[in-house]
PDB file of N, CA and C in Angstrom:
ATOM      1  N   MET A   1       2.194  31.955 -13.716  1.00  0.00           N
ATOM      2  CA  MET A   1       1.202  30.969 -12.952  1.00  0.00           C
ATOM      3  C   MET A   1       0.872  29.559 -13.241  1.00  0.00           C
ATOM      4  N   LYS A   2       0.850  29.501 -14.916  1.00  0.00           N
ATOM      5  CA  LYS A   2       0.646  28.230 -15.466  1.00  0.00           C
ATOM      6  C   LYS A   2       1.594  26.960 -15.119  1.00  0.00           C
ATOM      7  N   SER A   3       2.914  27.390 -15.059  1.00  0.00           N
ATOM      8  CA  SER A   3       3.761  26.535 -14.940  1.00  0.00           C
ATOM      9  C   SER A   3       3.800  25.985 -12.976  1.00  0.00           C
ATOM     10  N   PHE A   4       3.063  26.624 -12.680  1.00  0.00           N
ATOM     11  CA  PHE A   4       3.311  26.372 -11.008  1.00  0.00           C
ATOM     12  C   PHE A   4       1.670  25.556 -10.885  1.00  0.00           C
ATOM     13  N   THR A   5       0.809  25.704 -11.668  1.00  0.00           N
ATOM     14  CA  THR A   5      -0.363  24.844 -11.744  1.00  0.00           C
ATOM     15  C   THR A   5      -0.156  23.535 -12.296  1.00  0.00           C
ATOM     16  N   ILE A   6       0.868  23.642 -13.334  1.00  0.00           N
ATOM     17  CA  ILE A   6       1.117  22.103 -14.011  1.00  0.00           C
ATOM     18  C   ILE A   6       1.999  21.572 -12.941  1.00  0.00           C
ATOM     19  N   PHE A   7       2.827  22.246 -12.200  1.00  0.00           N
ATOM     20  CA  PHE A   7       3.997  21.496 -10.796  1.00  0.00           C
ATOM     21  C   PHE A   7       3.077  21.091 -10.151  1.00  0.00           C
ATOM     22  N   ALA A   8       1.912  21.773  -9.616  1.00  0.00           N
ATOM     23  CA  ALA A   8       1.138  21.236  -8.556  1.00  0.00           C
ATOM     24  C   ALA A   8       0.532  19.810  -8.829  1.00  0.00           C
ATOM     25  N   SER A   9      -0.192  20.031 -10.190  1.00  0.00           N
ATOM     26  CA  SER A   9      -0.712  18.672 -10.687  1.00  0.00           C
ATOM     27  C   SER A   9      -0.157  17.528 -10.737  1.00  0.00           C
ATOM     28  N   ILE A  10       1.204  17.869 -10.809  1.00  0.00           N
ATOM     29  CA  ILE A  10       2.462  16.441 -11.125  1.00  0.00           C
ATOM     30  C   ILE A  10       2.721  16.367  -9.419  1.00  0.00           C
ATOM     31  N   ILE A  11       2.684  17.151  -8.744  1.00  0.00           N
ATOM     32  CA  ILE A  11       3.223  16.607  -7.242  1.00  0.00           C
ATOM     33  C   ILE A  11       1.717  16.007  -6.780  1.00  0.00           C
ATOM     34  N   ALA A  12       0.579  16.507  -7.013  1.00  0.00           N
ATOM     35  CA  ALA A  12      -0.809  15.598  -6.574  1.00  0.00           C
ATOM     36  C   ALA A  12      -0.874  14.306  -6.887  1.00  0.00           C
ATOM     37  N   ALA A  13      -0.478  13.897  -8.243  1.00  0.00           N
ATOM     38  CA  ALA A  13      -0.306  12.768  -9.051  1.00  0.00           C
ATOM     39  C   ALA A  13       0.562  11.852  -8.539  1.00  0.00           C
ATOM     40  N   VAL A  14       2.094  12.357  -8.143  1.00  0.00           N
ATOM     41  CA  VAL A  14       3.043  11.615  -7.353  1.00  0.00           C
ATOM     42  C   VAL A  14       2.414  11.085  -6.449  1.00  0.00           C
ATOM     43  N   ALA A  15       1.925  12.051  -5.241  1.00  0.00           N
ATOM     44  CA  ALA A  15       1.493  11.830  -3.857  1.00  0.00           C
ATOM     45  C   ALA A  15       0.545  10.764  -3.685  1.00  0.00           C
ATOM     46  N   ALA A  16      -0.514  10.816  -4.584  1.00  0.00           N
ATOM     47  CA  ALA A  16      -1.190   9.769  -4.984  1.00  0.00           C
ATOM     48  C   ALA A  16      -1.447   7.865  -5.122  1.00  0.00           C
ATOM     49  N   GLU A  17       0.206   7.905  -5.590  1.00  0.00           N
ATOM     50  CA  GLU A  17       0.434   6.698  -5.761  1.00  0.00           C
ATOM     51  C   GLU A  17       0.569   5.659  -4.425  1.00  0.00           C
ATOM     52  N   TRP A  18       0.618   4.494  -4.406  1.00  0.00           N
ATOM     53  CA  TRP A  18       0.904   3.481  -3.682  1.00  0.00           C
ATOM     54  C   TRP A  18       2.118   3.233  -3.181  1.00  0.00           C
ATOM     55  N   THR A  19       2.942   3.171  -2.475  1.00  0.00           N
ATOM     56  CA  THR A  19       4.010   2.618  -2.112  1.00  0.00           C
ATOM     57  C   THR A  19       4.030   1.705  -1.298  1.00  0.00           C
ATOM     58  N   CYS A  20       5.166   0.372  -1.635  1.00  0.00           N
ATOM     59  CA  CYS A  20       5.682  -0.553  -0.284  1.00  0.00           C
ATOM     60  C   CYS A  20       6.837  -0.260  -0.148  1.00  0.00           C
ATOM     61  N   PRO A  21       7.127  -0.192   1.127  1.00  0.00           N
ATOM     62  CA  PRO A  21       6.428  -0.514   2.738  1.00  0.00           C
ATOM     63  C   PRO A  21       5.323   0.459   2.967  1.00  0.00           C
ATOM     64  N   GLN A  22       5.512   1.401   2.703  1.00  0.00           N
ATOM     65  CA  GLN A  22       5.134   2.693   3.626  1.00  0.00           C
ATOM     66  C   GLN A  22       3.775   2.486   3.437  1.00  0.00           C
ATOM     67  N   ASP A  23       3.042   2.175   2.475  1.00  0.00           N
ATOM     68  CA  ASP A  23       1.772   2.126   2.119  1.00  0.00           C
ATOM     69  C   ASP A  23       1.044   0.748   2.968  1.00  0.00           C
ATOM     70  N   HIS A  24       1.620  -0.350   3.726  1.00  0.00           N
ATOM     71  CA  HIS A  24       1.514  -1.499   3.830  1.00  0.00           C
ATOM     72  C   HIS A  24       0.098  -1.346   4.938  1.00  0.00           C
ATOM     73  N   ASN A  25      -0.857  -2.379   4.903  1.00  0.00           N
ATOM     74  CA  ASN A  25      -2.128  -2.268   5.781  1.00  0.00           C
ATOM     75  C   ASN A  25      -2.713  -0.968   6.010  1.00  0.00           C
ATOM     76  N   THR A  26      -2.551  -0.208   4.696  1.00  0.00           N
ATOM     77  CA  THR A  26      -3.635   1.242   4.865  1.00  0.00           C
ATOM     78  C   THR A  26      -4.937   1.171   4.142  1.00  0.00           C
ATOM     79  N   ASN A  27      -5.617   2.231   4.234  1.00  0.00           N
ATOM     80  CA  ASN A  27      -6.830   1.789   3.379  1.00  0.00           C
ATOM     81  C   ASN A  27      -6.711   3.269   2.503  1.00  0.00           C
ATOM     82  N   TYR A  28      -7.274   3.437   0.917  1.00  0.00           N
ATOM     83  CA  TYR A  28      -7.615   4.437   0.271  1.00  0.00           C
ATOM     84  C   TYR A  28      -8.424   3.881  -0.621  1.00  0.00           C
ATOM     85  N   THR A  29      -9.002   5.309  -1.017  1.00  0.00           N
ATOM     86  CA  THR A  29     -10.630   5.073  -1.731  1.00  0.00           C
ATOM     87  C   THR A  29     -10.009   5.220  -3.397  1.00  0.00           C
ATOM     88  N   VAL A  30     -10.883   4.272  -3.707  1.00  0.00           N
ATOM     89  CA  VAL A  30     -10.802   4.179  -5.316  1.00  0.00           C
ATOM     90  C   VAL A  30     -12.125   3.829  -5.859  1.00  0.00           C
ATOM     91  N   TYR A  31     -12.819   4.578  -6.673  1.00  0.00           N
ATOM     92  CA  TYR A  31     -14.072   5.048  -7.212  1.00  0.00           C
ATOM     93  C   TYR A  31     -15.092   5.030  -5.929  1.00  0.00           C
ATOM     94  N   GLY A  32     -14.923   5.896  -5.125  1.00  0.00           N
ATOM     95  CA  GLY A  32     -15.369   5.632  -3.816  1.00  0.00           C
ATOM     96  C   GLY A  32     -15.753   4.676  -3.051  1.00  0.00           C
ATOM     97  N   LYS A  33     -15.173   3.387  -3.041  1.00  0.00           N
ATOM     98  CA  LYS A  33     -15.051   2.506  -2.191  1.00  0.00           C
ATOM     99  C   LYS A  33     -13.459   2.233  -1.243  1.00  0.00           C
ATOM    100  N   GLN A  34     -13.498   1.754  -0.514  1.00  0.00           N
ATOM    101  CA  GLN A  34     -12.106   2.137   0.733  1.00  0.00           C
ATOM    102  C   GLN A  34     -11.481   0.709   0.233  1.00  0.00           C
ATOM    103  N   TRP A  35     -10.262   0.764  -0.175  1.00  0.00           N
ATOM    104  CA  TRP A  35      -9.100  -0.351  -0.431  1.00  0.00           C
ATOM    105  C   TRP A  35      -8.322  -0.841   0.681  1.00  0.00           C
ATOM    106  N   ASN A  36      -7.918  -2.022   0.991  1.00  0.00           N
ATOM    107  CA  ASN A  36      -6.540  -2.034   1.713  1.00  0.00           C
ATOM    108  C   ASN A  36      -5.924  -2.665   1.139  1.00  0.00           C
ATOM    109  N   ILE A  37      -4.122  -1.919   1.091  1.00  0.00           N
ATOM    110  CA  ILE A  37      -3.006  -2.659   0.798  1.00  0.00           C
ATOM    111  C   ILE A  37      -2.017  -3.381   1.407  1.00  0.00           C
ATOM    112  N   GLN A  38      -1.660  -4.248   1.074  1.00  0.00           N
ATOM    113  CA  GLN A  38      -0.876  -5.459   1.524  1.00  0.00           C
ATOM    114  C   GLN A  38       0.464  -5.536   0.416  1.00  0.00           C
ATOM    115  N   CYS A  39       1.214  -5.075   1.596  1.00  0.00           N
ATOM    116  CA  CYS A  39       2.562  -5.192   0.717  1.00  0.00           C
ATOM    117  C   CYS A  39       3.583  -6.412   1.126  1.00  0.00           C
ATOM    118  N   ASP A  40       4.250  -6.926   0.187  1.00  0.00           N
ATOM    119  CA  ASP A  40       4.748  -8.370   0.308  1.00  0.00           C
ATOM    120  C   ASP A  40       3.920  -9.522   0.513  1.00  0.00           C
ATOM    121  N   ASN A  41       2.644  -9.231  -0.257  1.00  0.00           N
ATOM    122  CA  ASN A  41       1.140 -10.188   0.050  1.00  0.00           C
ATOM    123  C   ASN A  41       0.988 -10.388  -1.324  1.00  0.00           C
ATOM    124  N   SER A  42       0.475 -11.827  -1.602  1.00  0.00           N
ATOM    125  CA  SER A  42       0.054 -12.468  -2.764  1.00  0.00           C
ATOM    126  C   SER A  42      -1.435 -12.572  -2.469  1.00  0.00           C
ATOM    127  N   ILE A  43      -2.227 -12.539  -3.220  1.00  0.00           N
ATOM    128  CA  ILE A  43      -3.855 -12.530  -3.027  1.00  0.00           C
ATOM    129  C   ILE A  43      -3.676 -14.235  -4.018  1.00  0.00           C
ATOM    130  N   GLN A  44      -4.208 -15.060  -3.078  1.00  0.00           N
ATOM    131  CA  GLN A  44      -4.492 -16.626  -3.582  1.00  0.00           C
ATOM    132  C   GLN A  44      -5.980 -16.709  -3.798  1.00  0.00           C
ATOM    133  N   GLY A  45      -6.039 -16.764  -5.473  1.00  0.00           N
ATOM    134  CA  GLY A  45      -7.681 -17.273  -5.842  1.00  0.00           C
ATOM    135  C   GLY A  45      -7.382 -16.983  -7.647  1.00  0.00           C
ATOM    136  N   THR A  46      -8.660 -17.122  -7.875  1.00  0.00           N
ATOM    137  CA  THR A  46      -8.746 -17.351  -9.192  1.00  0.00           C
ATOM    138  C   THR A  46      -8.354 -16.276  -9.835  1.00  0.00           C
ATOM    139  N   ASP A  47      -7.441 -16.246 -10.887  1.00  0.00           N
ATOM    140  CA  ASP A  47      -7.423 -15.236 -11.865  1.00  0.00           C
ATOM    141  C   ASP A  47      -8.208 -15.127 -12.799  1.00  0.00           C
ATOM    142  N   ILE A  48      -8.672 -13.962 -12.878  1.00  0.00           N
ATOM    143  CA  ILE A  48      -9.385 -13.600 -14.387  1.00  0.00           C
ATOM    144  C   ILE A  48      -8.887 -12.654 -15.598  1.00  0.00           C
ATOM    145  N   ARG A  49      -7.745 -12.276 -14.815  1.00  0.00           N
ATOM    146  CA  ARG A  49      -7.266 -11.207 -16.176  1.00  0.00           C
ATOM    147  C   ARG A  49      -5.692 -10.515 -15.890  1.00  0.00           C
ATOM    148  N   ARG A  50      -4.617 -10.726 -16.930  1.00  0.00           N
ATOM    149  CA  ARG A  50      -3.483 -10.015 -16.258  1.00  0.00           C
ATOM    150  C   ARG A  50      -3.087  -9.353 -17.047  1.00  0.00           C
ATOM    151  N   PHE A  51      -2.528  -7.987 -16.572  1.00  0.00           N
ATOM    152  CA  PHE A  51      -1.849  -7.371 -17.560  1.00  0.00           C
ATOM    153  C   PHE A  51      -0.666  -7.452 -17.656  1.00  0.00           C
ATOM    154  N   TYR A  52       0.568  -7.603 -18.631  1.00  0.00           N
ATOM    155  CA  TYR A  52       1.696  -7.552 -18.395  1.00  0.00           C
ATOM    156  C   TYR A  52       2.833  -6.356 -19.494  1.00  0.00           C
ATOM    157  N   ASN A  53       3.864  -6.157 -18.985  1.00  0.00           N
ATOM    158  CA  ASN A  53       4.934  -5.560 -19.319  1.00  0.00           C
ATOM    159  C   ASN A  53       4.222  -3.896 -19.314  1.00  0.00           C
ATOM    160  N   GLY A  54       4.184  -3.594 -18.018  1.00  0.00           N
ATOM    161  CA  GLY A  54       3.710  -2.256 -17.716  1.00  0.00           C
ATOM    162  C   GLY A  54       1.870  -1.531 -18.277  1.00  0.00           C
ATOM    163  N   GLU A  55       1.402  -2.550 -18.716  1.00  0.00           N
ATOM    164  CA  GLU A  55       0.134  -2.318 -19.089  1.00  0.00           C
ATOM    165  C   GLU A  55      -0.954  -1.430 -18.012  1.00  0.00           C
ATOM    166  N   GLN A  56      -0.651  -1.954 -16.570  1.00  0.00           N
ATOM    167  CA  GLN A  56      -1.165  -1.323 -15.681  1.00  0.00           C
ATOM    168  C   GLN A  56       0.041  -1.467 -14.827  1.00  0.00           C
ATOM    169  N   ASP A  57       0.780   0.015 -14.620  1.00  0.00           N
ATOM    170  CA  ASP A  57       2.304  -0.348 -14.234  1.00  0.00           C
ATOM    171  C   ASP A  57       2.380   0.174 -12.772  1.00  0.00           C
ATOM    172  N   THR A  58       1.387   0.255 -12.041  1.00  0.00           N
ATOM    173  CA  THR A  58       1.436   0.328 -10.512  1.00  0.00           C
ATOM    174  C   THR A  58       0.389  -0.324  -9.971  1.00  0.00           C
ATOM    175  N   LEU A  59       0.288  -0.333  -8.171  1.00  0.00           N
ATOM    176  CA  LEU A  59      -0.720  -1.177  -7.891  1.00  0.00           C
ATOM    177  C   LEU A  59      -2.109  -0.485  -7.570  1.00  0.00           C
ATOM    178  N   LEU A  60      -1.951   0.966  -7.905  1.00  0.00           N
ATOM    179  CA  LEU A  60      -2.670   1.737  -8.019  1.00  0.00           C
ATOM    180  C   LEU A  60      -3.490   1.997  -9.517  1.00  0.00           C
ATOM    181  N   SER A  61      -3.137   1.749 -10.123  1.00  0.00           N
ATOM    182  CA  SER A  61      -3.568   1.161 -11.902  1.00  0.00           C
ATOM    183  C   SER A  61      -4.120   0.056 -11.558  1.00  0.00           C
ATOM    184  N   CYS A  62      -3.597  -0.835 -11.188  1.00  0.00           N
ATOM    185  CA  CYS A  62      -4.017  -2.035 -11.223  1.00  0.00           C
ATOM    186  C   CYS A  62      -5.391  -2.093 -10.321  1.00  0.00           C
ATOM    187  N   ALA A  63      -5.546  -1.570  -9.106  1.00  0.00           N
ATOM    188  CA  ALA A  63      -6.327  -1.495  -8.319  1.00  0.00           C
ATOM    189  C   ALA A  63      -8.079  -1.011  -9.032  1.00  0.00           C
ATOM    190  N   TYR A  64      -7.426   0.446  -9.924  1.00  0.00           N
ATOM    191  CA  TYR A  64      -8.682   0.941 -10.540  1.00  0.00           C
ATOM    192  C   TYR A  64      -8.877   0.034 -11.938  1.00  0.00           C
ATOM    193  N   ALA A  65      -8.249  -1.079 -12.481  1.00  0.00           N
ATOM    194  CA  ALA A  65      -8.475  -1.916 -13.207  1.00  0.00           C
ATOM    195  C   ALA A  65      -9.675  -3.159 -12.686  1.00  0.00           C
ATOM    196  N   CYS A  66      -9.262  -3.507 -11.424  1.00  0.00           N
ATOM    197  CA  CYS A  66     -10.261  -4.431 -10.685  1.00  0.00           C
ATOM    198  C   CYS A  66     -11.417  -3.703 -10.565  1.00  0.00           C
ATOM    199  N   ALA A  67     -11.457  -2.289 -10.054  1.00  0.00           N
ATOM    200  CA  ALA A  67     -12.812  -1.716  -9.361  1.00  0.00           C
ATOM    201  C   ALA A  67     -13.916  -1.491 -10.736  1.00  0.00           C
ATOM    202  N   GLU A  68     -13.079  -1.553 -12.190  1.00  0.00           N
ATOM    203  CA  GLU A  68     -13.722  -1.283 -13.160  1.00  0.00           C
ATOM    204  C   GLU A  68     -14.288  -2.853 -13.745  1.00  0.00           C
ATOM    205  N   ASP A  69     -13.846  -3.875 -12.899  1.00  0.00           N
ATOM    206  CA  ASP A  69     -14.502  -5.280 -13.681  1.00  0.00           C
ATOM    207  C   ASP A  69     -15.449  -5.727 -12.621  1.00  0.00           C
ATOM    208  N   PRO A  70     -16.627  -5.750 -12.768  1.00  0.00           N
ATOM    209  CA  PRO A  70     -17.641  -6.037 -11.387  1.00  0.00           C
ATOM    210  C   PRO A  70     -17.322  -7.297 -11.052  1.00  0.00           C
ATOM    211  N   THR A  71     -16.477  -8.337 -11.833  1.00  0.00           N
ATOM    212  CA  THR A  71     -16.506  -9.445 -11.303  1.00  0.00           C
ATOM    213  C   THR A  71     -14.809  -9.706 -10.350  1.00  0.00           C
ATOM    214  N   CYS A  72     -14.735  -8.755 -10.391  1.00  0.00           N
ATOM    215  CA  CYS A  72     -12.629  -8.397  -9.586  1.00  0.00           C
ATOM    216  C   CYS A  72     -13.103  -8.301  -7.920  1.00  0.00           C
ATOM    217  N   LEU A  73     -12.256  -8.945  -7.270  1.00  0.00           N
ATOM    218  CA  LEU A  73     -12.642  -8.730  -5.728  1.00  0.00           C
ATOM    219  C   LEU A  73     -10.828  -8.548  -5.065  1.00  0.00           C
ATOM    220  N   GLY A  74     -10.307  -8.597  -6.037  1.00  0.00           N
ATOM    221  CA  GLY A  74      -8.868  -7.925  -5.327  1.00  0.00           C
ATOM    222  C   GLY A  74      -8.005  -8.085  -6.696  1.00  0.00           C
ATOM    223  N   THR A  75      -6.601  -7.621  -6.489  1.00  0.00           N
ATOM    224  CA  THR A  75      -5.722  -7.544  -7.620  1.00  0.00           C
ATOM    225  C   THR A  75      -4.607  -8.134  -6.490  1.00  0.00           C
ATOM    226  N   SER A  76      -3.450  -8.040  -7.452  1.00  0.00           N
ATOM    227  CA  SER A  76      -2.003  -8.829  -7.023  1.00  0.00           C
ATOM    228  C   SER A  76      -1.077  -8.089  -8.019  1.00  0.00           C
ATOM    229  N   TYR A  77      -0.291  -7.280  -7.738  1.00  0.00           N
ATOM    230  CA  TYR A  77       0.636  -6.457  -8.450  1.00  0.00           C
ATOM    231  C   TYR A  77       2.282  -6.893  -8.487  1.00  0.00           C
ATOM    232  N   VAL A  78       2.829  -7.731  -9.338  1.00  0.00           N
ATOM    233  CA  VAL A  78       4.529  -8.022  -9.073  1.00  0.00           C
ATOM    234  C   VAL A  78       5.188  -7.113  -9.868  1.00  0.00           C
ATOM    235  N   SER A  79       5.765  -6.460  -8.703  1.00  0.00           N
ATOM    236  CA  SER A  79       6.505  -5.063  -8.869  1.00  0.00           C
ATOM    237  C   SER A  79       7.962  -5.519  -9.483  1.00  0.00           C
ATOM    238  N   MET A  80       8.274  -6.390  -9.616  1.00  0.00           N
ATOM    239  CA  MET A  80       9.835  -6.899 -10.458  1.00  0.00           C
ATOM    240  C   MET A  80       9.480  -6.890 -11.999  1.00  0.00           C
ATOM    241  N   THR A  81       7.882  -7.693 -12.058  1.00  0.00           N
ATOM    242  CA  THR A  81       7.915  -7.418 -13.428  1.00  0.00           C
ATOM    243  C   THR A  81       6.898  -6.600 -14.121  1.00  0.00           C
ATOM    244  N   TYR A  82       6.320  -5.578 -13.278  1.00  0.00           N
ATOM    245  CA  TYR A  82       5.104  -5.081 -13.320  1.00  0.00           C
ATOM    246  C   TYR A  82       3.537  -5.623 -14.007  1.00  0.00           C
ATOM    247  N   THR A  83       3.685  -7.073 -13.455  1.00  0.00           N
ATOM    248  CA  THR A  83       2.617  -7.534 -14.305  1.00  0.00           C
ATOM    249  C   THR A  83       1.282  -7.727 -13.007  1.00  0.00           C
ATOM    250  N   CYS A  84       0.123  -7.000 -13.351  1.00  0.00           N
ATOM    251  CA  CYS A  84      -1.261  -6.811 -12.661  1.00  0.00           C
ATOM    252  C   CYS A  84      -2.117  -8.162 -12.776  1.00  0.00           C
ATOM    253  N   ILE A  85      -2.383  -8.908 -11.779  1.00  0.00           N
ATOM    254  CA  ILE A  85      -3.407 -10.023 -11.695  1.00  0.00           C
ATOM    255  C   ILE A  85      -4.395  -9.556 -11.070  1.00  0.00           C
ATOM    256  N   LEU A  86      -5.629  -9.688 -12.090  1.00  0.00           N
ATOM    257  CA  LEU A  86      -7.132  -9.265 -11.427  1.00  0.00           C
ATOM    258  C   LEU A  86      -7.857 -10.811 -10.543  1.00  0.00           C
ATOM    259  N   LYS A  87      -8.396 -10.490  -9.613  1.00  0.00           N
ATOM    260  CA  LYS A  87      -9.100 -12.005  -8.887  1.00  0.00           C
ATOM    261  C   LYS A  87     -10.441 -11.689  -8.502  1.00  0.00           C
ATOM    262  N   SER A  88     -10.966 -13.083  -9.124  1.00  0.00           N
ATOM    263  CA  SER A  88     -12.344 -13.107  -9.002  1.00  0.00           C
ATOM    264  C   SER A  88     -12.491 -13.611  -7.675  1.00  0.00           C
ATOM    265  N   SER A  89     -11.623 -14.143  -6.649  1.00  0.00           N
ATOM    266  CA  SER A  89     -11.943 -14.910  -5.608  1.00  0.00           C
ATOM    267  C   SER A  89     -10.788 -14.585  -4.538  1.00  0.00           C
ATOM    268  N   ILE A  90     -10.701 -14.402  -3.601  1.00  0.00           N
ATOM    269  CA  ILE A  90      -9.490 -14.245  -2.472  1.00  0.00           C
ATOM    270  C   ILE A  90      -9.891 -15.269  -1.601  1.00  0.00           C
ATOM    271  N   ASP A  91      -9.027 -16.681  -1.888  1.00  0.00           N
ATOM    272  CA  ASP A  91      -8.783 -17.414  -0.772  1.00  0.00           C
ATOM    273  C   ASP A  91      -7.795 -17.657   0.124  1.00  0.00           C
ATOM    274  N   ALA A  92      -6.826 -17.040  -0.089  1.00  0.00           N
ATOM    275  CA  ALA A  92      -6.051 -16.637   1.307  1.00  0.00           C
ATOM    276  C   ALA A  92      -5.266 -15.271   0.672  1.00  0.00           C
ATOM    277  N   ILE A  93      -4.345 -15.084   1.637  1.00  0.00           N
ATOM    278  CA  ILE A  93      -3.503 -13.947   1.146  1.00  0.00           C
ATOM    279  C   ILE A  93      -2.009 -14.235   2.129  1.00  0.00           C
ATOM    280  N   ASN A  94      -0.764 -14.533   1.410  1.00  0.00           N
ATOM    281  CA  ASN A  94       0.009 -14.974   1.468  1.00  0.00           C
ATOM    282  C   ASN A  94       1.235 -14.325   1.372  1.00  0.00           C
ATOM    283  N   LEU A  95       2.293 -14.292   2.073  1.00  0.00           N
ATOM    284  CA  LEU A  95       3.522 -13.560   2.011  1.00  0.00           C
ATOM    285  C   LEU A  95       4.221 -14.077   0.978  1.00  0.00           C
ATOM    286  N   ARG A  96       4.507 -12.868   0.151  1.00  0.00           N
ATOM    287  CA  ARG A  96       5.527 -13.019  -1.387  1.00  0.00           C
ATOM    288  C   ARG A  96       6.163 -11.904  -1.187  1.00  0.00           C
ATOM    289  N   PRO A  97       7.381 -11.856  -1.118  1.00  0.00           N
ATOM    290  CA  PRO A  97       8.127 -10.741  -0.934  1.00  0.00           C
ATOM    291  C   PRO A  97       8.167  -9.977  -2.554  1.00  0.00           C
ATOM    292  N   GLY A  98       7.759  -8.325  -2.709  1.00  0.00           N
ATOM    293  CA  GLY A  98       7.790  -8.083  -4.129  1.00  0.00           C
ATOM    294  C   GLY A  98       6.570  -8.199  -4.927  1.00  0.00           C
ATOM    295  N   ILE A  99       5.452  -8.765  -4.095  1.00  0.00           N
ATOM    296  CA  ILE A  99       4.253  -8.999  -4.588  1.00  0.00           C
ATOM    297  C   ILE A  99       3.284  -7.653  -3.774  1.00  0.00           C
ATOM    298  N   TRP A 100       2.729  -6.861  -4.515  1.00  0.00           N
ATOM    299  CA  TRP A 100       2.161  -5.959  -3.554  1.00  0.00           C
ATOM    300  C   TRP A 100       0.583  -6.382  -4.226  1.00  0.00           C
ATOM    301  N   SER A 101      -0.693  -6.327  -2.973  1.00  0.00           N
ATOM    302  CA  SER A 101      -1.668  -6.490  -3.238  1.00  0.00           C
ATOM    303  C   SER A 101      -2.840  -5.719  -2.781  1.00  0.00           C
ATOM    304  N   ALA A 102      -4.234  -5.402  -3.525  1.00  0.00           N
ATOM    305  CA  ALA A 102      -5.447  -4.552  -2.833  1.00  0.00           C
ATOM    306  C   ALA A 102      -6.530  -4.847  -3.241  1.00  0.00           C
ATOM    307  N   TYR A 103      -7.384  -4.853  -2.038  1.00  0.00           N
ATOM    308  CA  TYR A 103      -9.172  -5.177  -2.290  1.00  0.00           C
ATOM    309  C   TYR A 103      -9.611  -4.430  -1.456  1.00  0.00           C
ATOM    310  N   PRO A 104     -10.903  -4.232  -1.959  1.00  0.00           N
ATOM    311  CA  PRO A 104     -12.078  -3.230  -1.458  1.00  0.00           C
ATOM    312  C   PRO A 104     -12.441  -4.066  -0.363  1.00  0.00           C
ATOM    313  N   ILE A 105     -12.513  -3.580   1.080  1.00  0.00           N
ATOM    314  CA  ILE A 105     -13.026  -3.600   2.098  1.00  0.00           C
ATOM    315  C   ILE A 105     -14.433  -3.037   2.389  1.00  0.00           C
ATOM    316  N   GLU A 106     -15.260  -3.917   3.128  1.00  0.00           N
ATOM    317  CA  GLU A 106     -16.567  -3.491   3.601  1.00  0.00           C
ATOM    318  C   GLU A 106     -16.607  -2.243   4.597  1.00  0.00           C
ATOM    319  N   ASP A 107     -17.754  -1.651   4.428  1.00  0.00           N
ATOM    320  CA  ASP A 107     -17.606  -0.224   4.939  1.00  0.00           C
ATOM    321  C   ASP A 107     -18.189  -0.748   6.494  1.00  0.00           C
ATOM    322  N   GLU A 108     -17.633  -0.614   7.903  1.00  0.00           N
ATOM    323  CA  GLU A 108     -17.865  -1.218   8.686  1.00  0.00           C
ATOM    324  C   GLU A 108     -19.627  -0.742   9.325  1.00  0.00           C
ATOM    325  N   ASN A 109     -19.556   0.748   8.724  1.00  0.00           N
ATOM    326  CA  ASN A 109     -20.992   1.569   9.197  1.00  0.00           C
ATOM    327  C   ASN A 109     -22.305   1.131   8.329  1.00  0.00           C
ATOM    328  N   CYS A 110     -21.947   0.004   7.606  1.00  0.00           N
ATOM    329  CA  CYS A 110     -23.089   0.160   6.453  1.00  0.00           C
ATOM    330  C   CYS A 110     -23.862  -1.708   6.765  1.00  0.00           C
ATOM    331  N   ALA A 111     -23.097  -2.235   7.789  1.00  0.00           N
ATOM    332  CA  ALA A 111     -23.359  -3.625   7.914  1.00  0.00           C
ATOM    333  C   ALA A 111     -24.882  -3.542   8.597  1.00  0.00           C
TER     334      ALA A 111
END
């Protein structure tokens, strides 16, 4: 029974990862906020922090790092180099193959 519980936990963790292109333009929850995923799109704006060499090795972990920083408005993740870039502004979102981005969206019901 113990091995089944561990296996189920591993499956749940893998299923929770965001993947491109499957998750393009979908919303997921991070710390209670909805985040929109943009595959092959880069957020143009002011960089506030970069994580290199897999310090944040997925778009999901990059989004969690952004959510923990009150000045962060979005994140771009360079899939080829495992680089996570936190942004304090979103000036534009441009097509960039291999770069995946995520940003929190406003709850339309709270307006």
